[in-house]
Amino acid sequence: MAPPTPLQISYTDPDGNFWDLSDTSLENGYICSGIGGIEGLPVSMQSIPLLDGTARSDLYLAQPGAIVIAIYVSRPASGDENDYYNLLDQLVRAFYNRRSGLPAPGSLTIQRPDGTSRQISTYTTSGLNTPEVGIDNGTVYSFTLMTLDPFWYDLLSNDLTFSNPGGSPGILPLLPIALGSSSIFGTNVIYNNGGSDSYPEWLIVGPGTPTLSNLTTGRAWALSSAITTGHVISVKTKPGYQQCVDTTTGLNIWDQLVISSPRDLWPLIPGPNSISISMAGSTVATKVVMSWRNRWLRA
């Protein structure tokens, strides 16, 4: 049996600087010497007690978590003691998550043996003051990184474009035209290959009045007003970050989201999702772009 391939760990600080934490040569003077908290997801459950002495689950949700990472720091390849202290300055700033007076996350990236990578946003909540320095020009920082969003994300997004294949323009009062995706050859089955629900972002180019349905889950949302020709509507569906904006004018059109359950901005569940996209009043200029990143329960 072949020996296991070590995970490749890197960090991008709030300034955009890349830190390779798996360089065993210590050319840059630092390396991750230990990490924990990347193998699962913290959850919280609430239950309701019943008269027979049992309980019924009422709520089961993922919760913010914490990753503990140890970073060994030594003199870099230059061997200059001043470079070592400069490195300590840079490292502490990299893991200090405040810029321009506001919280500014870093991102931790884990590359698996198959070459795929998953990323998570982090804030350092302890460890900036852990080491003792000045003895042998080598020290270990033990950082605790808070993950407000505990899910891991693929680095690359999945992007699909749906367009009107032509023919009847679908101008009202004709029925809406279902858009087909050239990327998936006219079918509307979307596969979420991640381990959790993923929340797509939509760009809708007018004209037309869109209705977007996930037939697998029975959920849907729509706009109450037609999109003008050439206007682009951006809809974000992730809870806590949801929005509906006309990017052409900059106007917030959140109040135009309608359906039987208002603003039911559905996710893609893991596995196949049967998607229906229709646009009343669409033409060959109409286009819908769907983008999402797979979410995972662990690195």
Protein backbone atom coordinates (compact mmCIF):
# COMPACT_ATOMS: atom_id res chain seq x y z
CA MET A 1 0.00 0.00 0.00
CA ALA A 2 1.32 3.41 -0.97
CA PRO A 3 1.94 5.91 1.84
CA PRO A 4 -0.77 8.57 2.26
CA THR A 5 -0.37 11.82 0.34
CA PRO A 6 -0.19 14.78 2.74
CA LEU A 7 -2.84 17.44 2.41
CA GLN A 8 -1.59 20.69 0.92
CA ILE A 9 -2.53 23.62 3.15
CA SER A 10 -2.43 27.29 2.22
CA TYR A 11 -3.79 30.56 3.55
CA THR A 12 -4.73 33.79 1.79
CA ASP A 13 -4.65 36.76 4.13
CA PRO A 14 -7.03 39.77 4.01
CA ASP A 15 -4.51 41.67 1.86
CA GLY A 16 -4.57 38.90 -0.76
CA ASN A 17 -1.12 37.53 0.07
CA PHE A 18 -0.68 33.78 -0.44
CA TRP A 19 0.96 31.68 2.29
CA ASP A 20 2.08 28.16 1.35
CA LEU A 21 1.86 26.33 4.66
CA SER A 22 3.03 22.96 3.32
CA ASP A 23 6.50 23.85 2.03
CA THR A 24 8.68 21.28 3.81
CA SER A 25 11.86 22.98 2.59
CA LEU A 26 11.17 25.88 4.99
CA GLU A 27 12.54 28.12 2.25
CA ASN A 28 10.13 30.85 3.34
CA GLY A 29 10.65 30.17 7.04
CA TYR A 30 7.23 28.76 8.00
CA ILE A 31 5.14 25.60 7.79
CA CYS A 32 1.91 24.21 9.22
CA SER A 33 2.94 21.73 11.92
CA GLY A 34 -0.57 20.67 12.95
CA ILE A 35 -4.23 21.30 12.18
CA GLY A 36 -7.56 20.23 13.67
CA GLY A 37 -11.25 20.98 13.17
CA ILE A 38 -11.38 20.32 9.41
CA GLU A 39 -12.93 16.85 9.47
CA GLY A 40 -16.58 17.60 10.19
CA LEU A 41 -19.30 20.13 10.86
CA PRO A 42 -20.53 21.55 14.20
CA VAL A 43 -24.30 21.34 14.57
CA SER A 44 -26.98 22.44 17.01
CA MET A 45 -30.28 20.68 17.67
CA GLN A 46 -33.36 21.85 19.51
CA SER A 47 -36.10 19.46 20.59
CA ILE A 48 -39.59 19.66 22.04
CA PRO A 49 -40.43 17.36 25.00
CA LEU A 50 -43.49 15.14 24.56
CA LEU A 51 -45.96 13.84 27.15
CA ASP A 52 -44.72 10.24 26.85
CA GLY A 53 -41.26 11.24 28.05
CA THR A 54 -39.66 11.34 24.59
CA ALA A 55 -38.85 14.39 22.49
CA ARG A 56 -39.37 15.54 18.92
CA SER A 57 -36.61 17.19 16.94
CA ASP A 58 -37.56 20.76 16.14
CA LEU A 59 -34.42 22.31 14.68
CA TYR A 60 -31.15 20.89 13.37
CA LEU A 61 -28.68 23.43 11.99
CA ALA A 62 -25.00 23.81 11.19
CA GLN A 63 -23.20 26.20 13.52
CA PRO A 64 -20.08 28.39 13.34
CA GLY A 65 -17.02 26.33 14.19
CA ALA A 66 -13.33 26.65 14.92
CA ILE A 67 -10.15 25.39 13.30
CA VAL A 68 -6.94 25.14 15.32
CA ILE A 69 -3.73 25.44 13.33
CA ALA A 70 -0.10 25.42 14.49
CA ILE A 71 2.49 27.24 12.39
CA TYR A 72 6.19 26.78 13.00
CA VAL A 73 8.28 29.86 12.13
CA SER A 74 12.07 29.91 11.75
CA ARG A 75 14.70 31.93 9.92
CA PRO A 76 13.95 32.05 6.19
CA ALA A 77 16.47 30.90 3.58
CA SER A 78 18.42 34.15 3.86
CA GLY A 79 19.49 33.15 7.38
CA ASP A 80 19.26 36.82 8.40
CA GLU A 81 17.92 37.29 11.92
CA ASN A 82 16.25 40.55 10.91
CA ASP A 83 14.39 38.70 8.15
CA TYR A 84 13.11 36.30 10.81
CA TYR A 85 11.65 39.13 12.88
CA ASN A 86 10.20 40.75 9.77
CA LEU A 87 8.56 37.41 8.99
CA LEU A 88 6.98 37.36 12.44
CA ASP A 89 5.58 40.84 11.80
CA GLN A 90 4.12 39.72 8.46
CA LEU A 91 2.64 36.52 9.89
CA VAL A 92 0.87 38.27 12.74
CA ARG A 93 -0.59 40.84 10.34
CA ALA A 94 -1.69 38.06 7.97
CA PHE A 95 -3.72 36.39 10.72
CA TYR A 96 -5.03 39.64 12.20
CA ASN A 97 -8.43 39.96 10.53
CA ARG A 98 -9.14 43.66 10.57
CA ARG A 99 -8.58 46.08 7.69
CA SER A 100 -9.71 49.68 7.30
CA GLY A 101 -11.50 49.47 10.64
CA LEU A 102 -13.66 46.49 9.62
CA PRO A 103 -13.53 42.70 10.05
CA ALA A 104 -11.70 41.17 7.09
CA PRO A 105 -11.59 37.38 6.76
CA GLY A 106 -8.73 35.29 5.48
CA SER A 107 -9.30 32.02 3.66
CA LEU A 108 -7.86 28.60 4.38
CA THR A 109 -7.48 26.20 1.45
CA ILE A 110 -7.00 22.45 1.63
CA GLN A 111 -5.88 20.57 -1.48
CA ARG A 112 -6.74 16.88 -1.52
CA PRO A 113 -4.57 14.12 -3.02
CA ASP A 114 -6.70 14.14 -6.19
CA GLY A 115 -5.77 17.79 -6.80
CA THR A 116 -9.18 19.28 -5.93
CA SER A 117 -9.30 22.07 -3.37
CA ARG A 118 -11.82 23.32 -0.84
CA GLN A 119 -11.79 26.70 0.85
CA ILE A 120 -13.26 28.25 3.98
CA SER A 121 -13.33 31.84 5.32
CA THR A 122 -11.74 32.36 8.73
CA TYR A 123 -11.19 34.94 11.45
CA THR A 124 -8.40 34.53 13.99
CA THR A 125 -9.85 34.75 17.49
CA SER A 126 -6.82 33.66 19.56
CA GLY A 127 -3.18 32.79 19.21
CA LEU A 128 -1.65 36.02 17.96
CA ASN A 129 0.20 36.36 21.28
CA THR A 130 1.08 32.69 21.85
CA PRO A 131 4.79 32.29 21.08
CA GLU A 132 7.90 33.20 22.97
CA VAL A 133 10.62 34.49 20.69
CA GLY A 134 14.23 35.54 20.91
CA ILE A 135 15.70 32.25 22.20
CA ASP A 136 16.68 30.27 19.10
CA ASN A 137 14.99 32.14 16.22
CA GLY A 138 12.25 29.57 16.00
CA THR A 139 8.74 29.54 17.42
CA VAL A 140 5.26 28.03 17.02
CA TYR A 141 2.02 29.99 16.72
CA SER A 142 -1.18 28.19 17.70
CA PHE A 143 -4.07 30.03 16.06
CA THR A 144 -7.78 29.45 16.61
CA LEU A 145 -9.67 30.36 13.45
CA MET A 146 -13.41 31.04 13.74
CA THR A 147 -15.53 29.87 10.79
CA LEU A 148 -18.76 31.89 10.77
CA ASP A 149 -19.81 29.90 7.69
CA PRO A 150 -18.67 26.38 8.63
CA PHE A 151 -19.10 24.93 5.13
CA TRP A 152 -16.18 24.36 2.78
CA TYR A 153 -16.51 25.57 -0.81
CA ASP A 154 -15.01 24.49 -4.11
CA LEU A 155 -12.62 27.09 -5.47
CA LEU A 156 -14.24 27.09 -8.90
CA SER A 157 -17.88 27.84 -9.61
CA ASN A 158 -20.21 25.87 -11.85
CA ASP A 159 -21.67 28.09 -14.55
CA LEU A 160 -24.55 27.29 -16.90
CA THR A 161 -26.11 29.55 -19.52
CA PHE A 162 -29.70 29.12 -20.65
CA SER A 163 -30.96 30.89 -23.77
CA ASN A 164 -34.01 31.04 -25.99
CA PRO A 165 -33.46 28.52 -28.81
CA GLY A 166 -35.37 30.72 -31.25
CA GLY A 167 -38.71 30.32 -32.96
CA SER A 168 -41.74 32.00 -31.46
CA PRO A 169 -40.67 35.04 -29.45
CA GLY A 170 -43.12 34.24 -26.66
CA ILE A 171 -44.50 37.76 -26.49
CA LEU A 172 -47.51 37.92 -24.16
CA PRO A 173 -50.20 36.64 -24.19
CA LEU A 174 -48.39 33.54 -25.54
CA LEU A 175 -47.24 30.98 -23.00
CA PRO A 176 -43.76 31.34 -21.54
CA ILE A 177 -40.92 29.67 -23.42
CA ALA A 178 -38.87 27.17 -21.45
CA LEU A 179 -35.19 27.93 -21.90
CA GLY A 180 -32.82 25.08 -22.71
CA SER A 181 -29.16 24.91 -21.74
CA SER A 182 -26.60 24.32 -24.46
CA SER A 183 -24.25 23.08 -21.74
CA ILE A 184 -26.54 20.16 -20.93
CA PHE A 185 -28.10 19.69 -24.37
CA GLY A 186 -31.61 20.85 -23.75
CA THR A 187 -32.22 19.02 -20.48
CA ASN A 188 -32.76 20.86 -17.26
CA VAL A 189 -31.30 18.38 -14.79
CA ILE A 190 -28.62 20.07 -12.70
CA TYR A 191 -26.28 17.98 -10.57
CA ASN A 192 -25.05 19.31 -7.24
CA ASN A 193 -22.03 17.11 -6.59
CA GLY A 194 -21.33 18.65 -3.17
CA GLY A 195 -22.26 17.33 0.23
CA SER A 196 -24.78 20.01 1.13
CA ASP A 197 -27.32 22.42 -0.33
CA SER A 198 -25.75 24.99 -2.66
CA TYR A 199 -27.31 28.39 -3.27
CA PRO A 200 -27.07 29.60 -6.87
CA GLU A 201 -26.64 33.14 -8.11
CA TRP A 202 -28.61 34.18 -11.16
CA LEU A 203 -28.04 36.78 -13.88
CA ILE A 204 -31.12 37.29 -16.04
CA VAL A 205 -30.90 39.33 -19.24
CA GLY A 206 -34.20 40.72 -20.51
CA PRO A 207 -36.67 40.86 -22.03
CA GLY A 208 -39.10 38.64 -20.21
CA THR A 209 -40.76 37.80 -16.91
CA PRO A 210 -38.93 34.85 -15.30
CA THR A 211 -40.23 31.97 -13.23
CA LEU A 212 -37.57 29.63 -11.86
CA SER A 213 -38.61 26.32 -10.32
CA ASN A 214 -36.83 23.40 -8.70
CA LEU A 215 -39.20 20.59 -9.58
CA THR A 216 -37.31 18.15 -7.39
CA THR A 217 -38.09 20.10 -4.23
CA GLY A 218 -41.33 21.72 -5.40
CA ARG A 219 -40.06 25.23 -4.73
CA ALA A 220 -40.12 28.24 -7.05
CA TRP A 221 -39.72 32.00 -7.30
CA ALA A 222 -40.62 34.59 -9.91
CA LEU A 223 -40.56 38.29 -10.70
CA SER A 224 -43.82 40.22 -10.75
CA SER A 225 -42.68 42.62 -13.48
CA ALA A 226 -41.08 42.10 -16.88
CA ILE A 227 -37.36 42.73 -17.31
CA THR A 228 -36.74 45.39 -19.94
CA THR A 229 -34.73 44.43 -23.02
CA GLY A 230 -31.02 44.64 -22.26
CA HIS A 231 -31.46 45.03 -18.51
CA VAL A 232 -29.60 42.55 -16.29
CA ILE A 233 -31.11 41.35 -13.02
CA SER A 234 -28.88 39.81 -10.34
CA VAL A 235 -30.50 37.45 -7.82
CA LYS A 236 -28.52 35.95 -4.94
CA THR A 237 -30.19 33.14 -3.02
CA LYS A 238 -27.87 32.38 -0.10
CA PRO A 239 -29.65 33.01 3.25
CA GLY A 240 -28.32 36.12 4.93
CA TYR A 241 -27.00 37.49 1.63
CA GLN A 242 -30.14 37.38 -0.52
CA GLN A 243 -30.75 40.22 -2.93
CA CYS A 244 -32.48 41.13 -6.16
CA VAL A 245 -30.93 44.05 -8.04
CA ASP A 246 -31.28 45.56 -11.49
CA THR A 247 -27.55 45.90 -12.22
CA THR A 248 -28.25 48.11 -15.25
CA THR A 249 -29.85 50.82 -13.12
CA GLY A 250 -28.53 49.84 -9.68
CA LEU A 251 -32.08 49.68 -8.29
CA ASN A 252 -33.02 47.25 -5.54
CA ILE A 253 -36.07 45.34 -6.83
CA TRP A 254 -36.45 42.93 -3.91
CA ASP A 255 -40.15 43.80 -3.68
CA GLN A 256 -40.72 42.31 -7.14
CA LEU A 257 -39.92 38.76 -5.98
CA VAL A 258 -43.22 36.91 -5.78
CA ILE A 259 -44.49 33.33 -5.51
CA SER A 260 -46.98 31.42 -3.32
CA SER A 261 -44.33 31.50 -0.59
CA PRO A 262 -42.78 34.96 -1.00
CA ARG A 263 -39.09 35.07 -1.92
CA ASP A 264 -38.67 31.29 -1.93
CA LEU A 265 -35.11 31.44 -3.25
CA TRP A 266 -34.45 27.73 -3.39
CA PRO A 267 -31.11 25.92 -3.22
CA LEU A 268 -29.75 23.01 -5.21
CA ILE A 269 -29.98 19.92 -3.03
CA PRO A 270 -27.21 17.28 -3.27
CA GLY A 271 -27.62 15.08 -6.33
CA PRO A 272 -29.86 15.70 -9.35
CA ASN A 273 -32.19 18.69 -9.44
CA SER A 274 -34.84 19.02 -12.13
CA ILE A 275 -34.89 22.73 -13.00
CA SER A 276 -37.57 24.59 -14.95
CA ILE A 277 -36.85 28.08 -16.27
CA SER A 278 -39.55 29.94 -18.17
CA MET A 279 -39.70 33.51 -19.45
CA ALA A 280 -43.00 35.08 -20.51
CA GLY A 281 -42.27 37.60 -23.25
CA SER A 282 -38.80 36.28 -24.01
CA THR A 283 -36.91 36.73 -27.30
CA VAL A 284 -33.67 35.36 -28.70
CA ALA A 285 -31.91 38.11 -26.72
CA THR A 286 -33.10 36.64 -23.41
CA LYS A 287 -30.46 34.83 -21.37
CA VAL A 288 -30.23 33.28 -17.91
CA VAL A 289 -26.87 32.50 -16.27
CA MET A 290 -26.77 30.24 -13.22
CA SER A 291 -23.65 29.98 -11.03
CA TRP A 292 -22.97 28.02 -7.86
CA ARG A 293 -20.12 26.53 -5.88
CA ASN A 294 -20.37 23.11 -4.31
CA ARG A 295 -20.50 23.16 -0.50
CA TRP A 296 -19.00 20.47 1.67
CA LEU A 297 -19.35 19.33 5.28
CA ARG A 298 -15.59 18.84 5.69
CA ALA A 299 -12.29 19.60 4.03
